[in-house]
Amino acid sequence: MLGSLLLPLAVVGTATVAYLSYAVVDFLALHFLLPSRPLEAYKRRGPGPTYALVTGGSAGIGLGVAQELLRQGFAVVLLAHLEEELVETKQMLRRLVPGAEVRTVVVDARTATAAELDDVVRSLEGLDVSMLVNNVGGCAVALPPLRPVSTYSTSDVDVVVDQNARFMARLTALMLPLLSRRRRGDADERSLILNMSSAGGVGVPYLAVYGATKAFNLAFSRGVARELDASPSTSHVDCLAIVPGDVLSQGNSKGVSSLAPRWDDYGRCLVGTVDGAIRRGMRDLSPYWLHDLEQRILPWLDEGTRTREVTKAMEVKKRAWDAHLDKTR
């Protein structure tokens, strides 16, 4: 009897070890064996520049991504709502990357009308645009930003949904005809959509509405990716959700872990790991290795442990924000 069980157990054990070994090697390859010329497949042939539209591109992760795209030879169109900040960012990027082609568009994601979005897309018609980075987001509610949902006004709820989810979905729908268009005779042209989700999409206290919009972004991105794959006329357009954890940036500067990457380092990680994710057929990507590890472990925890750890992390941030606001009053 015992002998008859040994062979199946040995097979299961060997398969488990083989799978775990493969998973570890694949994880390390994704995060540390990076291409020397990332995103090269999304560059258009010809003498003119290939553009990426980066929303929320004047600061934070969006700026980090734009900065790295310029280093890789792309041109960028930065979309944000503060004109003065956009001007300063454009000047900074041109100093950082001499000869960089940087354009700007002033639009507020929280209040953008259909006509304004149409104007944005129309302004790109004469450019070779191969990439849309849906990065804009935040929690632009009345202070403090981290608080129970029972304290939200209806306008607080609306502004978070509009800024993080509604704008992204509407812009993506309008940009898809432009991104899926190929020049005659160039069957190798590819385009890319990157949609910013968040680790907060698992459901976090004190940012419940924000987290819900990021869960929407993840589901939206996966659905669009599968939809694009299903049609020969759009299968050359890749769509990937980006799932950051804690990143030190302009919009996330209080209670940030000492292990968190800076916005510019994160932009480098993101640009460097996208090719590997697309090649693996992934629908979502956590570019920074520690975030990826955390998000792979989280589903294995029981709900009690998961709730305790997520709440503990958010309470650190909440206390840091509350202390900061107390000092400024």
Protein backbone atom coordinates (compact mmCIF):
# COMPACT_ATOMS: atom_id res chain seq x y z
CA MET A 1 0.00 0.00 0.00
CA LEU A 2 2.73 2.42 1.01
CA GLY A 3 4.73 1.51 -2.07
CA SER A 4 1.80 2.30 -4.35
CA LEU A 5 1.61 5.82 -2.88
CA LEU A 6 5.30 6.61 -3.17
CA LEU A 7 5.39 6.98 -6.95
CA PRO A 8 2.45 9.46 -7.20
CA LEU A 9 3.86 11.44 -4.27
CA ALA A 10 7.28 11.53 -5.91
CA VAL A 11 5.73 12.73 -9.19
CA VAL A 12 3.75 15.46 -7.40
CA GLY A 13 6.81 16.50 -5.42
CA THR A 14 9.02 16.63 -8.51
CA ALA A 15 6.41 18.61 -10.46
CA THR A 16 6.02 21.06 -7.56
CA VAL A 17 9.76 21.62 -7.28
CA ALA A 18 10.04 22.04 -11.06
CA TYR A 19 7.19 24.57 -11.11
CA LEU A 20 8.61 26.57 -8.21
CA SER A 21 12.06 26.56 -9.79
CA TYR A 22 10.61 27.78 -13.08
CA ALA A 23 8.59 30.49 -11.29
CA VAL A 24 11.67 31.77 -9.45
CA VAL A 25 13.81 31.82 -12.61
CA ASP A 26 11.03 33.50 -14.60
CA PHE A 27 10.54 36.13 -11.86
CA LEU A 28 14.25 36.94 -11.82
CA ALA A 29 14.43 37.08 -15.62
CA LEU A 30 11.43 39.42 -15.82
CA HIS A 31 12.85 41.91 -13.34
CA PHE A 32 16.60 41.69 -13.81
CA LEU A 33 17.35 40.49 -17.38
CA LEU A 34 16.17 43.64 -19.11
CA PRO A 35 16.47 44.52 -22.82
CA SER A 36 19.16 47.00 -23.83
CA ARG A 37 16.67 48.84 -26.08
CA PRO A 38 13.24 48.52 -24.46
CA LEU A 39 10.00 49.10 -26.39
CA GLU A 40 11.86 49.12 -29.71
CA ALA A 41 8.96 47.21 -31.31
CA TYR A 42 6.74 50.27 -30.85
CA LYS A 43 8.92 52.69 -32.80
CA ARG A 44 7.73 53.72 -36.24
CA ARG A 45 10.03 53.46 -39.23
CA GLY A 46 11.16 56.66 -40.86
CA PRO A 47 13.01 59.84 -39.95
CA GLY A 48 10.30 61.38 -37.77
CA PRO A 49 9.88 60.75 -34.04
CA THR A 50 7.47 58.22 -32.54
CA TYR A 51 5.26 59.74 -29.86
CA ALA A 52 3.82 58.51 -26.59
CA LEU A 53 0.90 60.33 -24.99
CA VAL A 54 1.50 60.31 -21.22
CA THR A 55 -1.37 61.54 -19.06
CA GLY A 56 -0.44 62.99 -15.70
CA GLY A 57 3.00 63.44 -17.23
CA SER A 58 4.14 66.60 -15.44
CA ALA A 59 5.09 64.92 -12.15
CA GLY A 60 5.38 61.62 -10.31
CA ILE A 61 5.32 58.26 -12.05
CA GLY A 62 4.09 59.82 -15.30
CA LEU A 63 7.12 62.08 -15.41
CA GLY A 64 9.37 59.12 -14.60
CA VAL A 65 7.93 57.16 -17.53
CA ALA A 66 8.17 60.15 -19.90
CA GLN A 67 11.76 60.75 -18.87
CA GLU A 68 12.73 57.15 -19.60
CA LEU A 69 10.85 57.09 -22.91
CA LEU A 70 12.81 60.14 -24.04
CA ARG A 71 16.05 58.39 -23.09
CA GLN A 72 14.98 55.47 -25.28
CA GLY A 73 14.48 57.74 -28.29
CA PHE A 74 10.73 58.34 -28.15
CA ALA A 75 9.04 61.72 -28.26
CA VAL A 76 6.35 62.51 -25.70
CA VAL A 77 3.13 64.47 -25.40
CA LEU A 78 2.53 65.32 -21.75
CA LEU A 79 -1.06 65.85 -20.65
CA ALA A 80 -1.77 67.50 -17.29
CA HIS A 81 -3.95 70.22 -15.79
CA LEU A 82 -1.35 72.72 -14.51
CA GLU A 83 0.04 74.74 -17.41
CA GLU A 84 2.91 76.27 -15.44
CA GLU A 85 4.03 72.87 -14.16
CA LEU A 86 3.91 71.49 -17.70
CA VAL A 87 6.12 74.33 -18.97
CA GLU A 88 8.66 73.69 -16.20
CA THR A 89 8.61 69.94 -16.84
CA LYS A 90 9.11 70.43 -20.57
CA GLN A 91 12.15 72.64 -19.94
CA MET A 92 13.58 70.18 -17.43
CA LEU A 93 13.21 67.22 -19.80
CA ARG A 94 14.87 69.11 -22.64
CA ARG A 95 17.82 69.89 -20.38
CA LEU A 96 17.99 66.27 -19.25
CA VAL A 97 17.70 64.79 -22.75
CA PRO A 98 19.15 67.25 -25.30
CA GLY A 99 17.17 67.26 -28.51
CA ALA A 100 14.14 65.70 -26.86
CA GLU A 101 10.83 66.28 -28.62
CA VAL A 102 8.33 67.25 -25.90
CA ARG A 103 4.83 68.59 -26.46
CA THR A 104 2.21 69.50 -23.87
CA VAL A 105 -1.57 69.50 -23.60
CA VAL A 106 -3.47 71.21 -20.78
CA VAL A 107 -6.55 69.22 -19.75
CA ASP A 108 -8.05 68.52 -16.32
CA ALA A 109 -8.98 64.83 -16.06
CA ARG A 110 -11.47 65.62 -13.31
CA THR A 111 -13.59 67.93 -15.45
CA ALA A 112 -12.70 67.13 -19.07
CA THR A 113 -15.62 67.36 -21.48
CA ALA A 114 -16.21 65.19 -24.53
CA ALA A 115 -15.26 68.15 -26.73
CA GLU A 116 -11.95 68.62 -24.90
CA LEU A 117 -11.10 64.95 -25.32
CA ASP A 118 -11.96 65.10 -29.01
CA ASP A 119 -9.62 68.10 -29.33
CA VAL A 120 -6.79 66.18 -27.63
CA VAL A 121 -7.06 63.26 -30.05
CA ARG A 122 -7.45 65.58 -33.05
CA SER A 123 -4.23 67.39 -32.07
CA LEU A 124 -2.34 64.10 -32.41
CA GLU A 125 -3.58 63.25 -35.90
CA GLY A 126 -0.46 64.49 -37.69
CA LEU A 127 1.95 62.66 -35.36
CA ASP A 128 3.21 59.08 -35.35
CA VAL A 129 1.68 58.05 -32.02
CA SER A 130 2.27 54.44 -31.01
CA MET A 131 1.77 54.58 -27.26
CA LEU A 132 -0.83 55.71 -24.73
CA VAL A 133 0.21 55.80 -21.07
CA ASN A 134 -2.94 56.25 -18.97
CA ASN A 135 -1.16 57.40 -15.84
CA VAL A 136 -3.22 60.32 -14.54
CA GLY A 137 -4.79 59.68 -11.16
CA GLY A 138 -4.92 60.66 -7.54
CA CYS A 139 -7.27 61.33 -4.68
CA ALA A 140 -8.17 65.00 -5.08
CA VAL A 141 -10.71 65.09 -2.26
CA ALA A 142 -11.09 67.58 0.55
CA LEU A 143 -8.32 67.07 3.12
CA PRO A 144 -7.36 64.80 4.76
CA PRO A 145 -6.95 62.47 1.76
CA LEU A 146 -7.02 59.26 3.83
CA ARG A 147 -10.32 58.98 5.68
CA PRO A 148 -13.40 56.75 6.00
CA VAL A 149 -15.72 56.65 3.01
CA SER A 150 -18.58 57.73 5.30
CA THR A 151 -16.96 61.19 5.40
CA TYR A 152 -16.95 61.57 1.60
CA SER A 153 -19.27 64.07 -0.01
CA THR A 154 -20.89 63.20 -3.32
CA SER A 155 -18.44 65.56 -5.04
CA ASP A 156 -15.52 63.75 -3.37
CA VAL A 157 -16.75 60.46 -4.80
CA ASP A 158 -17.30 61.97 -8.24
CA VAL A 159 -13.89 63.61 -8.50
CA VAL A 160 -12.03 60.40 -7.60
CA VAL A 161 -14.04 58.32 -10.08
CA ASP A 162 -13.71 60.94 -12.83
CA GLN A 163 -9.97 61.44 -12.39
CA ASN A 164 -8.95 57.81 -12.08
CA ALA A 165 -11.42 55.77 -14.12
CA ARG A 166 -13.82 57.77 -16.28
CA PHE A 167 -11.16 59.89 -18.00
CA MET A 168 -8.97 56.86 -18.70
CA ALA A 169 -11.78 54.81 -20.23
CA ARG A 170 -13.03 57.67 -22.40
CA LEU A 171 -9.57 58.62 -23.66
CA THR A 172 -8.70 55.00 -24.45
CA ALA A 173 -11.86 54.58 -26.51
CA LEU A 174 -11.05 57.73 -28.50
CA MET A 175 -7.37 56.84 -28.97
CA LEU A 176 -7.89 53.27 -30.19
CA PRO A 177 -8.64 54.16 -33.83
CA LEU A 178 -5.43 56.20 -33.94
CA LEU A 179 -3.33 53.49 -32.28
CA SER A 180 -4.73 50.68 -34.41
CA ARG A 181 -4.11 52.54 -37.68
CA ARG A 182 -1.18 51.19 -39.69
CA ARG A 183 0.66 52.80 -42.54
CA ARG A 184 0.12 51.00 -45.81
CA GLY A 185 2.60 48.20 -46.36
CA ASP A 186 3.96 48.18 -42.81
CA ALA A 187 2.50 45.07 -41.21
CA ASP A 188 5.11 45.09 -38.43
CA GLU A 189 3.89 48.29 -36.76
CA ARG A 190 2.76 47.77 -33.18
CA SER A 191 1.12 50.04 -30.62
CA LEU A 192 0.90 49.91 -26.85
CA ILE A 193 -1.56 50.99 -24.15
CA LEU A 194 -0.43 51.09 -20.53
CA ASN A 195 -3.16 51.59 -17.92
CA MET A 196 -2.15 52.54 -14.39
CA SER A 197 -3.85 50.44 -11.75
CA SER A 198 -2.58 50.13 -8.17
CA ALA A 199 -1.95 47.63 -5.40
CA GLY A 200 -4.78 49.54 -3.72
CA GLY A 201 -7.12 47.77 -6.12
CA VAL A 202 -7.29 44.86 -3.67
CA GLY A 203 -9.48 47.08 -1.46
CA VAL A 204 -7.81 49.33 1.11
CA PRO A 205 -9.28 51.22 4.07
CA TYR A 206 -9.29 55.04 4.03
CA LEU A 207 -8.90 55.01 0.23
CA ALA A 208 -11.87 52.80 -0.62
CA VAL A 209 -13.12 54.83 -3.60
CA TYR A 210 -9.63 55.32 -5.03
CA GLY A 211 -8.89 51.59 -4.66
CA ALA A 212 -12.15 50.72 -6.39
CA THR A 213 -11.25 52.89 -9.40
CA LYS A 214 -7.92 51.10 -9.65
CA ALA A 215 -9.68 47.73 -9.61
CA PHE A 216 -11.84 49.07 -12.45
CA ASN A 217 -8.70 50.07 -14.37
CA LEU A 218 -7.30 46.55 -13.99
CA ALA A 219 -10.49 44.87 -15.22
CA PHE A 220 -10.89 47.42 -18.02
CA SER A 221 -7.32 46.87 -19.18
CA ARG A 222 -7.65 43.08 -19.19
CA GLY A 223 -10.93 43.28 -21.08
CA VAL A 224 -9.52 45.66 -23.70
CA ALA A 225 -6.41 43.48 -24.12
CA ARG A 226 -8.52 40.40 -24.82
CA GLU A 227 -10.81 42.36 -27.14
CA LEU A 228 -7.84 43.65 -29.14
CA ASP A 229 -6.35 40.16 -29.40
CA ALA A 230 -9.61 38.77 -30.77
CA SER A 231 -9.58 40.83 -33.97
CA PRO A 232 -6.93 40.71 -36.74
CA SER A 233 -7.46 44.45 -37.27
CA THR A 234 -6.36 45.29 -33.71
CA SER A 235 -4.19 42.35 -32.60
CA HIS A 236 -1.08 44.48 -33.18
CA VAL A 237 -2.14 46.78 -30.30
CA ASP A 238 -0.89 45.53 -26.93
CA CYS A 239 -2.65 46.54 -23.71
CA LEU A 240 -1.16 46.07 -20.26
CA ALA A 241 -2.21 47.14 -16.78
CA ILE A 242 0.56 48.47 -14.53
CA VAL A 243 0.13 47.70 -10.82
CA PRO A 244 2.40 49.84 -8.62
CA GLY A 245 2.83 49.42 -4.90
CA ASP A 246 4.25 52.17 -2.72
CA VAL A 247 6.23 54.70 -4.82
CA LEU A 248 7.75 57.90 -3.46
CA SER A 249 6.35 60.70 -5.62
CA GLN A 250 4.79 64.14 -5.53
CA GLY A 251 1.37 62.68 -4.79
CA ASN A 252 2.58 59.98 -2.38
CA SER A 253 5.10 61.52 -0.01
CA LYS A 254 3.78 60.75 3.49
CA GLY A 255 4.27 57.46 5.31
CA VAL A 256 6.15 55.94 2.39
CA SER A 257 8.15 52.80 3.06
CA SER A 258 11.94 53.15 3.12
CA LEU A 259 12.00 50.29 0.59
CA ALA A 260 9.78 52.13 -1.90
CA PRO A 261 11.37 53.24 -5.18
CA ARG A 262 11.40 56.89 -6.24
CA TRP A 263 9.19 57.98 -9.12
CA ASP A 264 12.12 58.18 -11.56
CA ASP A 265 13.48 54.75 -10.61
CA TYR A 266 9.98 53.35 -10.99
CA GLY A 267 9.68 54.86 -14.46
CA ARG A 268 12.89 53.08 -15.43
CA CYS A 269 11.61 49.77 -14.02
CA LEU A 270 8.33 50.15 -15.86
CA VAL A 271 9.82 50.87 -19.28
CA GLY A 272 12.39 48.10 -18.83
CA THR A 273 9.96 45.31 -17.91
CA VAL A 274 7.05 45.88 -20.33
CA ASP A 275 8.61 43.91 -23.20
CA GLY A 276 9.05 40.86 -20.98
CA ALA A 277 5.47 41.06 -19.76
CA ILE A 278 4.08 41.35 -23.29
CA ARG A 279 6.24 38.47 -24.49
CA ARG A 280 4.88 36.29 -21.65
CA GLY A 281 1.29 37.15 -22.54
CA MET A 282 0.72 38.89 -19.21
CA ARG A 283 -2.29 41.19 -18.80
CA ASP A 284 -0.92 43.05 -15.79
CA LEU A 285 2.55 43.85 -14.53
CA SER A 286 4.12 45.00 -11.27
CA PRO A 287 7.38 46.44 -12.64
CA TYR A 288 9.24 46.78 -9.32
CA TRP A 289 10.37 43.39 -8.04
CA LEU A 290 9.39 43.93 -4.39
CA HIS A 291 5.88 45.06 -5.33
CA ASP A 292 5.53 42.01 -7.55
CA LEU A 293 6.66 39.71 -4.75
CA GLU A 294 4.19 41.29 -2.31
CA GLN A 295 1.33 40.95 -4.75
CA ARG A 296 2.14 37.31 -5.47
CA ILE A 297 2.14 36.51 -1.75
CA LEU A 298 -1.02 38.44 -0.79
CA PRO A 299 -3.57 36.06 -2.40
CA TRP A 300 -2.10 33.15 -0.43
CA LEU A 301 -2.86 34.78 2.91
CA ASP A 302 -6.13 34.12 4.72
CA GLU A 303 -8.54 37.06 4.77
CA GLY A 304 -7.92 37.83 8.44
CA THR A 305 -4.17 38.17 7.88
CA ARG A 306 -4.70 40.07 4.64
CA THR A 307 -7.03 42.58 6.31
CA ARG A 308 -4.69 43.05 9.24
CA GLU A 309 -1.60 43.68 7.10
CA VAL A 310 -3.33 45.97 4.60
CA THR A 311 -4.95 47.99 7.40
CA LYS A 312 -1.66 48.28 9.27
CA ALA A 313 0.08 49.69 6.18
CA MET A 314 -2.72 52.18 5.52
CA GLU A 315 -2.84 53.34 9.13
CA VAL A 316 0.87 54.22 8.93
CA LYS A 317 0.07 56.44 5.94
CA LYS A 318 -3.01 57.91 7.59
CA ARG A 319 -1.10 58.86 10.75
CA ALA A 320 1.68 60.43 8.66
CA TRP A 321 -0.82 62.53 6.69
CA ASP A 322 -2.72 63.56 9.82
CA ALA A 323 0.53 64.61 11.52
CA HIS A 324 1.56 66.63 8.47
CA LEU A 325 -1.78 68.42 8.32
CA ASP A 326 -1.67 69.15 12.06
CA LYS A 327 1.66 70.92 11.56
CA THR A 328 0.38 73.05 8.71
CA ARG A 329 -2.79 74.24 10.47
